[in-house]
């Protein structure tokens, strides 16, 4: 292997949007994620619907049975 061509492998702080943080190792010193194992519905058993554009309401209005 050639020397001095690979990036440094450093301790990384991973930050989730839910506020959970943990340390790992990577070539990037800080990583921001949107979802992790402490807020993912598969691991928590809770379903969180994030509807910022109102798409669920639009769907329900369009296909509502009369």
C-alpha atoms as a PDB file:
ATOM      1  CA  UNK A   1       0.000   0.000   0.000  1.00  0.00           C
ATOM      2  CA  UNK A   2       1.145   3.504  -0.712  1.00  0.00           C
ATOM      3  CA  UNK A   3       1.671   5.717   2.294  1.00  0.00           C
ATOM      4  CA  UNK A   4       0.012   9.105   2.847  1.00  0.00           C
ATOM      5  CA  UNK A   5      -2.807   8.614   0.293  1.00  0.00           C
ATOM      6  CA  UNK A   6      -5.510   7.417   2.698  1.00  0.00           C
ATOM      7  CA  UNK A   7      -7.540   9.789   4.921  1.00  0.00           C
ATOM      8  CA  UNK A   8      -7.186   9.651   8.700  1.00  0.00           C
ATOM      9  CA  UNK A   9      -9.506   7.259  10.534  1.00  0.00           C
ATOM     10  CA  UNK A  10     -10.662   9.257  13.570  1.00  0.00           C
ATOM     11  CA  UNK A  11     -13.212   9.027  16.375  1.00  0.00           C
ATOM     12  CA  UNK A  12     -16.507  10.405  15.061  1.00  0.00           C
ATOM     13  CA  UNK A  13     -19.456  11.953  16.888  1.00  0.00           C
ATOM     14  CA  UNK A  14     -22.749  10.820  15.300  1.00  0.00           C
ATOM     15  CA  UNK A  15     -25.749  13.086  15.967  1.00  0.00           C
ATOM     16  CA  UNK A  16     -29.338  12.092  15.130  1.00  0.00           C
ATOM     17  CA  UNK A  17     -32.201  14.518  14.487  1.00  0.00           C
ATOM     18  CA  UNK A  18     -33.977  13.116  17.574  1.00  0.00           C
ATOM     19  CA  UNK A  19     -31.063  14.255  19.754  1.00  0.00           C
ATOM     20  CA  UNK A  20     -29.345  10.909  20.335  1.00  0.00           C
ATOM     21  CA  UNK A  21     -25.557  10.973  20.072  1.00  0.00           C
ATOM     22  CA  UNK A  22     -22.888   8.296  20.107  1.00  0.00           C
ATOM     23  CA  UNK A  23     -19.273   7.834  19.118  1.00  0.00           C
ATOM     24  CA  UNK A  24     -18.000   5.714  16.259  1.00  0.00           C
ATOM     25  CA  UNK A  25     -15.022   5.770  13.925  1.00  0.00           C
ATOM     26  CA  UNK A  26     -14.911   7.240  10.430  1.00  0.00           C
ATOM     27  CA  UNK A  27     -12.915   9.520   8.174  1.00  0.00           C
ATOM     28  CA  UNK A  28     -15.368  12.368   8.943  1.00  0.00           C
ATOM     29  CA  UNK A  29     -15.162  13.983  12.408  1.00  0.00           C
ATOM     30  CA  UNK A  30     -18.947  14.611  12.763  1.00  0.00           C
ATOM     31  CA  UNK A  31     -21.935  12.907  11.093  1.00  0.00           C
ATOM     32  CA  UNK A  32     -25.567  14.115  11.223  1.00  0.00           C
ATOM     33  CA  UNK A  33     -28.331  11.553  10.572  1.00  0.00           C
ATOM     34  CA  UNK A  34     -32.092  11.919  10.256  1.00  0.00           C
ATOM     35  CA  UNK A  35     -33.087   8.642  11.889  1.00  0.00           C
ATOM     36  CA  UNK A  36     -31.390   6.160  14.211  1.00  0.00           C
ATOM     37  CA  UNK A  37     -32.191   3.006  16.140  1.00  0.00           C
ATOM     38  CA  UNK A  38     -33.622   4.955  19.086  1.00  0.00           C
ATOM     39  CA  UNK A  39     -36.226   6.778  16.935  1.00  0.00           C
ATOM     40  CA  UNK A  40     -36.817   4.326  14.034  1.00  0.00           C
ATOM     41  CA  UNK A  41     -40.339   2.780  14.123  1.00  0.00           C
ATOM     42  CA  UNK A  42     -39.004  -0.747  13.544  1.00  0.00           C
ATOM     43  CA  UNK A  43     -36.938  -0.650  16.750  1.00  0.00           C
ATOM     44  CA  UNK A  44     -39.249   1.463  18.926  1.00  0.00           C
ATOM     45  CA  UNK A  45     -42.593  -0.093  17.929  1.00  0.00           C
ATOM     46  CA  UNK A  46     -44.142   3.373  17.527  1.00  0.00           C
ATOM     47  CA  UNK A  47     -45.288   4.889  14.247  1.00  0.00           C
ATOM     48  CA  UNK A  48     -44.577   8.594  13.816  1.00  0.00           C
ATOM     49  CA  UNK A  49     -46.154  10.187  10.768  1.00  0.00           C
ATOM     50  CA  UNK A  50     -44.262  13.247   9.647  1.00  0.00           C
ATOM     51  CA  UNK A  51     -46.480  15.140   7.231  1.00  0.00           C
ATOM     52  CA  UNK A  52     -45.043  18.553   6.527  1.00  0.00           C
ATOM     53  CA  UNK A  53     -46.636  19.076   3.116  1.00  0.00           C
ATOM     54  CA  UNK A  54     -50.167  17.940   4.028  1.00  0.00           C
ATOM     55  CA  UNK A  55     -49.988  15.010   1.632  1.00  0.00           C
ATOM     56  CA  UNK A  56     -52.053  12.707   3.849  1.00  0.00           C
ATOM     57  CA  UNK A  57     -54.865  15.261   4.063  1.00  0.00           C
ATOM     58  CA  UNK A  58     -54.764  15.791   0.285  1.00  0.00           C
ATOM     59  CA  UNK A  59     -54.988  12.043  -0.287  1.00  0.00           C
ATOM     60  CA  UNK A  60     -57.870  11.622   2.151  1.00  0.00           C
ATOM     61  CA  UNK A  61     -59.763  14.561   0.622  1.00  0.00           C
ATOM     62  CA  UNK A  62     -59.286  13.298  -2.935  1.00  0.00           C
ATOM     63  CA  UNK A  63     -60.301   9.676  -2.275  1.00  0.00           C
ATOM     64  CA  UNK A  64     -62.886  10.226   0.464  1.00  0.00           C
ATOM     65  CA  UNK A  65     -65.959   8.038   0.029  1.00  0.00           C
ATOM     66  CA  UNK A  66     -69.142  10.051  -0.221  1.00  0.00           C
END
